[in-house]
Amino acid sequence: MTRASKILHAVRINAAYELLAQGTPPATAPQELARSFGLSKRQAYRYLEQARSLSSPLEVPDQPVTLTVRVSERLVHAVRERSRRRGTTLSHFVTRALEAWLAQDHGRTKRR
């Protein structure tokens, strides 16, 4: 049996959280969750237990997608080297760099 992805895990816990928030009876909640996601009752109980400890639903991570861009060979080598030195994957390094760049204002106005 494989483990649920982080996204699926968060979705299932949030569904359990919602059942609890709606006041679904404890005897019915595991069956509803199991039926909704094709889980065993044991798995459903585990998700409900995790949901009980939450004060709000979990944030569901973004689904990663592939982005293909053309950049110079020099830039590729530099980025690969930097990510290797930081002990992270190329995807993680580029994602964080783009997020940091997008978070900056750069003092530019929007083009219309």
N, C-alpha and C. Protein backbone atom coordinates (compact mmCIF):
# COMPACT_ATOMS: atom_id res chain seq x y z
N MET A 1 0.85 -1.18 0.00
CA MET A 1 0.00 0.00 0.00
C MET A 1 0.89 1.24 0.00
N THR A 2 0.59 2.20 -0.86
CA THR A 2 1.38 3.42 -0.94
C THR A 2 0.77 4.50 -0.05
N ARG A 3 1.62 5.41 0.37
CA ARG A 3 1.17 6.52 1.19
C ARG A 3 0.52 7.58 0.32
N ALA A 4 -0.42 8.30 0.91
CA ALA A 4 -1.08 9.39 0.19
C ALA A 4 -0.09 10.54 -0.01
N SER A 5 -0.20 11.23 -1.13
CA SER A 5 0.63 12.41 -1.37
C SER A 5 0.28 13.47 -0.34
N LYS A 6 1.13 14.46 -0.21
CA LYS A 6 0.86 15.55 0.73
C LYS A 6 -0.45 16.26 0.40
N ILE A 7 -0.72 16.38 -0.89
CA ILE A 7 -1.95 17.05 -1.31
C ILE A 7 -3.16 16.22 -0.92
N LEU A 8 -3.14 14.94 -1.27
CA LEU A 8 -4.27 14.06 -0.95
C LEU A 8 -4.45 13.93 0.56
N HIS A 9 -3.35 13.86 1.30
CA HIS A 9 -3.41 13.79 2.76
C HIS A 9 -4.14 15.01 3.33
N ALA A 10 -3.77 16.19 2.86
CA ALA A 10 -4.41 17.42 3.34
C ALA A 10 -5.88 17.46 2.95
N VAL A 11 -6.21 17.02 1.75
CA VAL A 11 -7.61 17.01 1.31
C VAL A 11 -8.44 16.08 2.19
N ARG A 12 -7.91 14.91 2.50
CA ARG A 12 -8.64 13.94 3.34
C ARG A 12 -8.80 14.45 4.77
N ILE A 13 -7.75 15.04 5.31
CA ILE A 13 -7.87 15.59 6.67
C ILE A 13 -8.88 16.73 6.69
N ASN A 14 -8.86 17.57 5.67
CA ASN A 14 -9.84 18.67 5.61
C ASN A 14 -11.26 18.15 5.47
N ALA A 15 -11.45 17.06 4.74
CA ALA A 15 -12.78 16.46 4.64
C ALA A 15 -13.22 15.92 6.01
N ALA A 16 -12.30 15.32 6.73
CA ALA A 16 -12.60 14.84 8.07
C ALA A 16 -12.91 16.01 9.00
N TYR A 17 -12.13 17.07 8.87
CA TYR A 17 -12.36 18.28 9.67
C TYR A 17 -13.77 18.83 9.41
N GLU A 18 -14.15 18.86 8.15
CA GLU A 18 -15.47 19.38 7.77
C GLU A 18 -16.59 18.51 8.34
N LEU A 19 -16.41 17.20 8.29
CA LEU A 19 -17.42 16.31 8.88
C LEU A 19 -17.59 16.59 10.37
N LEU A 20 -16.46 16.77 11.05
CA LEU A 20 -16.52 17.06 12.49
C LEU A 20 -17.15 18.42 12.74
N ALA A 21 -16.80 19.41 11.92
CA ALA A 21 -17.34 20.76 12.09
C ALA A 21 -18.84 20.80 11.85
N GLN A 22 -19.33 19.93 10.97
CA GLN A 22 -20.76 19.86 10.68
C GLN A 22 -21.53 19.10 11.76
N GLY A 23 -20.80 18.53 12.70
CA GLY A 23 -21.46 17.79 13.78
C GLY A 23 -21.89 16.39 13.38
N THR A 24 -21.22 15.82 12.38
CA THR A 24 -21.53 14.46 11.96
C THR A 24 -21.31 13.52 13.15
N PRO A 25 -22.27 12.66 13.45
CA PRO A 25 -22.13 11.76 14.60
C PRO A 25 -20.86 10.91 14.50
N PRO A 26 -20.18 10.69 15.62
CA PRO A 26 -18.93 9.92 15.63
C PRO A 26 -19.06 8.52 15.02
N ALA A 27 -20.23 7.92 15.13
CA ALA A 27 -20.41 6.59 14.56
C ALA A 27 -20.54 6.62 13.04
N THR A 28 -20.98 7.76 12.50
CA THR A 28 -21.23 7.88 11.07
C THR A 28 -20.03 8.47 10.31
N ALA A 29 -19.28 9.34 10.95
CA ALA A 29 -18.19 10.06 10.28
C ALA A 29 -17.18 9.14 9.61
N PRO A 30 -16.68 8.09 10.28
CA PRO A 30 -15.69 7.23 9.61
C PRO A 30 -16.26 6.55 8.36
N GLN A 31 -17.51 6.16 8.42
CA GLN A 31 -18.13 5.49 7.26
C GLN A 31 -18.28 6.46 6.10
N GLU A 32 -18.67 7.69 6.39
CA GLU A 32 -18.81 8.69 5.32
C GLU A 32 -17.47 9.01 4.69
N LEU A 33 -16.45 9.18 5.52
CA LEU A 33 -15.12 9.49 5.01
C LEU A 33 -14.57 8.31 4.20
N ALA A 34 -14.75 7.10 4.71
CA ALA A 34 -14.27 5.91 4.01
C ALA A 34 -14.96 5.78 2.66
N ARG A 35 -16.24 6.02 2.62
CA ARG A 35 -17.00 5.91 1.38
C ARG A 35 -16.58 7.00 0.38
N SER A 36 -16.37 8.20 0.86
CA SER A 36 -16.01 9.32 -0.03
C SER A 36 -14.67 9.13 -0.72
N PHE A 37 -13.72 8.53 -0.01
CA PHE A 37 -12.36 8.42 -0.54
C PHE A 37 -11.91 6.99 -0.81
N GLY A 38 -12.80 6.02 -0.65
CA GLY A 38 -12.42 4.64 -0.88
C GLY A 38 -11.39 4.15 0.12
N LEU A 39 -11.57 4.55 1.38
CA LEU A 39 -10.65 4.19 2.45
C LEU A 39 -11.21 3.04 3.28
N SER A 40 -10.35 2.41 4.05
CA SER A 40 -10.83 1.47 5.06
C SER A 40 -11.32 2.30 6.25
N LYS A 41 -12.15 1.68 7.09
CA LYS A 41 -12.61 2.40 8.28
C LYS A 41 -11.44 2.78 9.17
N ARG A 42 -10.44 1.93 9.23
CA ARG A 42 -9.25 2.21 10.05
C ARG A 42 -8.54 3.47 9.57
N GLN A 43 -8.37 3.58 8.24
CA GLN A 43 -7.74 4.79 7.68
C GLN A 43 -8.61 6.01 7.97
N ALA A 44 -9.90 5.87 7.81
CA ALA A 44 -10.82 6.99 8.06
C ALA A 44 -10.71 7.46 9.51
N TYR A 45 -10.64 6.52 10.44
CA TYR A 45 -10.48 6.88 11.86
C TYR A 45 -9.21 7.68 12.08
N ARG A 46 -8.13 7.28 11.40
CA ARG A 46 -6.85 7.99 11.56
C ARG A 46 -6.96 9.44 11.07
N TYR A 47 -7.61 9.62 9.93
CA TYR A 47 -7.79 10.99 9.43
C TYR A 47 -8.66 11.81 10.38
N LEU A 48 -9.69 11.19 10.93
CA LEU A 48 -10.57 11.90 11.87
C LEU A 48 -9.81 12.28 13.14
N GLU A 49 -8.95 11.39 13.61
CA GLU A 49 -8.15 11.70 14.81
C GLU A 49 -7.23 12.89 14.54
N GLN A 50 -6.61 12.92 13.39
CA GLN A 50 -5.74 14.05 13.05
C GLN A 50 -6.56 15.33 12.92
N ALA A 51 -7.74 15.23 12.35
CA ALA A 51 -8.60 16.41 12.16
C ALA A 51 -9.07 16.97 13.50
N ARG A 52 -9.28 16.11 14.48
CA ARG A 52 -9.75 16.56 15.81
C ARG A 52 -8.75 17.50 16.48
N SER A 53 -7.48 17.36 16.15
CA SER A 53 -6.46 18.18 16.80
C SER A 53 -6.27 19.54 16.11
N LEU A 54 -6.99 19.76 15.02
CA LEU A 54 -6.83 21.02 14.28
C LEU A 54 -7.77 22.10 14.78
N SER A 55 -7.30 23.34 14.70
CA SER A 55 -8.18 24.48 15.02
C SER A 55 -8.76 25.09 13.75
N SER A 56 -8.18 24.73 12.59
CA SER A 56 -8.68 25.18 11.29
C SER A 56 -8.22 24.17 10.25
N PRO A 57 -8.83 24.19 9.07
CA PRO A 57 -8.41 23.24 8.03
C PRO A 57 -6.95 23.45 7.64
N LEU A 58 -6.35 22.41 7.10
CA LEU A 58 -4.98 22.50 6.62
C LEU A 58 -4.93 23.26 5.30
N GLU A 59 -3.80 23.89 5.03
CA GLU A 59 -3.59 24.50 3.73
C GLU A 59 -3.19 23.38 2.77
N VAL A 60 -3.87 23.28 1.65
CA VAL A 60 -3.56 22.24 0.67
C VAL A 60 -2.43 22.75 -0.22
N PRO A 61 -1.32 21.99 -0.28
CA PRO A 61 -0.19 22.43 -1.10
C PRO A 61 -0.58 22.54 -2.58
N ASP A 62 0.13 23.39 -3.30
CA ASP A 62 -0.08 23.52 -4.74
C ASP A 62 0.37 22.24 -5.44
N GLN A 63 -0.34 21.90 -6.49
CA GLN A 63 0.04 20.76 -7.33
C GLN A 63 1.20 21.20 -8.22
N PRO A 64 2.35 20.53 -8.16
CA PRO A 64 3.45 20.93 -9.02
C PRO A 64 3.17 20.60 -10.49
N VAL A 65 3.62 21.46 -11.36
CA VAL A 65 3.51 21.25 -12.81
C VAL A 65 4.88 21.51 -13.43
N THR A 66 5.08 20.99 -14.60
CA THR A 66 6.35 21.17 -15.29
C THR A 66 6.30 22.46 -16.11
N LEU A 67 7.36 23.23 -16.01
CA LEU A 67 7.51 24.47 -16.77
C LEU A 67 8.80 24.34 -17.57
N THR A 68 8.70 24.46 -18.87
CA THR A 68 9.88 24.37 -19.72
C THR A 68 10.25 25.76 -20.21
N VAL A 69 11.47 26.16 -19.96
CA VAL A 69 11.96 27.46 -20.41
C VAL A 69 13.33 27.26 -21.05
N ARG A 70 13.70 28.19 -21.91
CA ARG A 70 15.02 28.15 -22.54
C ARG A 70 15.88 29.24 -21.92
N VAL A 71 17.00 28.82 -21.35
CA VAL A 71 17.95 29.76 -20.77
C VAL A 71 19.34 29.36 -21.25
N SER A 72 20.29 30.24 -21.04
CA SER A 72 21.65 29.96 -21.52
C SER A 72 22.27 28.78 -20.76
N GLU A 73 23.19 28.12 -21.42
CA GLU A 73 23.89 27.00 -20.81
C GLU A 73 24.65 27.46 -19.57
N ARG A 74 25.22 28.67 -19.65
CA ARG A 74 25.95 29.23 -18.51
C ARG A 74 25.04 29.37 -17.29
N LEU A 75 23.82 29.86 -17.53
CA LEU A 75 22.87 30.03 -16.43
C LEU A 75 22.46 28.68 -15.85
N VAL A 76 22.24 27.71 -16.69
CA VAL A 76 21.87 26.36 -16.22
C VAL A 76 22.97 25.80 -15.31
N HIS A 77 24.23 25.92 -15.75
CA HIS A 77 25.34 25.42 -14.92
C HIS A 77 25.40 26.15 -13.59
N ALA A 78 25.23 27.46 -13.63
CA ALA A 78 25.29 28.25 -12.39
C ALA A 78 24.17 27.87 -11.43
N VAL A 79 22.97 27.70 -11.94
CA VAL A 79 21.83 27.36 -11.08
C VAL A 79 21.99 25.95 -10.52
N ARG A 80 22.43 25.03 -11.35
CA ARG A 80 22.66 23.66 -10.87
C ARG A 80 23.73 23.62 -9.78
N GLU A 81 24.79 24.37 -9.99
CA GLU A 81 25.87 24.41 -8.99
C GLU A 81 25.38 25.01 -7.68
N ARG A 82 24.64 26.10 -7.78
CA ARG A 82 24.13 26.76 -6.57
C ARG A 82 23.18 25.83 -5.81
N SER A 83 22.28 25.16 -6.52
CA SER A 83 21.35 24.26 -5.84
C SER A 83 22.09 23.08 -5.22
N ARG A 84 23.11 22.58 -5.91
CA ARG A 84 23.91 21.48 -5.36
C ARG A 84 24.61 21.91 -4.07
N ARG A 85 25.21 23.11 -4.08
CA ARG A 85 25.90 23.61 -2.88
C ARG A 85 24.94 23.81 -1.72
N ARG A 86 23.71 24.17 -2.02
CA ARG A 86 22.71 24.36 -0.96
C ARG A 86 22.08 23.04 -0.52
N GLY A 87 22.40 21.97 -1.23
CA GLY A 87 21.87 20.66 -0.85
C GLY A 87 20.39 20.51 -1.14
N THR A 88 19.93 21.12 -2.21
CA THR A 88 18.52 21.05 -2.56
C THR A 88 18.37 20.63 -4.02
N THR A 89 17.18 20.27 -4.40
CA THR A 89 16.94 19.90 -5.79
C THR A 89 16.89 21.15 -6.65
N LEU A 90 17.10 20.96 -7.92
CA LEU A 90 17.04 22.07 -8.86
C LEU A 90 15.63 22.68 -8.85
N SER A 91 14.62 21.83 -8.84
CA SER A 91 13.23 22.33 -8.83
C SER A 91 12.95 23.17 -7.59
N HIS A 92 13.38 22.69 -6.43
CA HIS A 92 13.15 23.43 -5.19
C HIS A 92 13.89 24.77 -5.23
N PHE A 93 15.13 24.75 -5.67
CA PHE A 93 15.92 25.97 -5.72
C PHE A 93 15.30 27.01 -6.65
N VAL A 94 14.93 26.59 -7.86
CA VAL A 94 14.34 27.52 -8.83
C VAL A 94 13.00 28.03 -8.34
N THR A 95 12.19 27.15 -7.75
CA THR A 95 10.89 27.58 -7.21
C THR A 95 11.07 28.66 -6.16
N ARG A 96 11.99 28.45 -5.21
CA ARG A 96 12.22 29.44 -4.15
C ARG A 96 12.76 30.75 -4.72
N ALA A 97 13.64 30.65 -5.70
CA ALA A 97 14.20 31.86 -6.32
C ALA A 97 13.10 32.66 -7.03
N LEU A 98 12.23 31.97 -7.76
CA LEU A 98 11.14 32.66 -8.44
C LEU A 98 10.15 33.27 -7.46
N GLU A 99 9.84 32.53 -6.38
CA GLU A 99 8.94 33.07 -5.36
C GLU A 99 9.52 34.33 -4.73
N ALA A 100 10.82 34.30 -4.42
CA ALA A 100 11.47 35.47 -3.82
C ALA A 100 11.46 36.64 -4.80
N TRP A 101 11.74 36.38 -6.06
CA TRP A 101 11.76 37.44 -7.06
C TRP A 101 10.37 38.03 -7.24
N LEU A 102 9.34 37.20 -7.30
CA LEU A 102 7.97 37.69 -7.46
C LEU A 102 7.49 38.47 -6.24
N ALA A 103 8.01 38.13 -5.06
CA ALA A 103 7.59 38.81 -3.83
C ALA A 103 8.17 40.23 -3.74
N GLN A 104 9.23 40.48 -4.48
CA GLN A 104 9.83 41.81 -4.46
C GLN A 104 9.02 42.76 -5.34
N ASP A 105 9.03 44.03 -4.97
CA ASP A 105 8.26 45.03 -5.71
C ASP A 105 9.02 45.48 -6.95
N HIS A 106 10.31 45.59 -6.88
CA HIS A 106 11.17 46.05 -7.97
C HIS A 106 10.86 47.47 -8.42
N GLY A 107 9.95 48.17 -7.73
CA GLY A 107 9.66 49.55 -8.05
C GLY A 107 9.06 49.77 -9.42
N ARG A 108 8.50 48.75 -10.00
CA ARG A 108 7.91 48.87 -11.34
C ARG A 108 6.41 49.01 -11.25
N THR A 109 5.86 49.71 -12.20
CA THR A 109 4.40 49.82 -12.28
C THR A 109 3.89 48.80 -13.27
N LYS A 110 2.64 48.45 -13.12
CA LYS A 110 2.03 47.48 -14.03
C LYS A 110 1.85 48.07 -15.42
N ARG A 111 2.10 47.25 -16.41
CA ARG A 111 1.87 47.67 -17.79
C ARG A 111 0.42 47.37 -18.14
N ARG A 112 -0.14 48.24 -18.97
CA ARG A 112 -1.53 48.04 -19.37
C ARG A 112 -1.63 47.86 -20.85
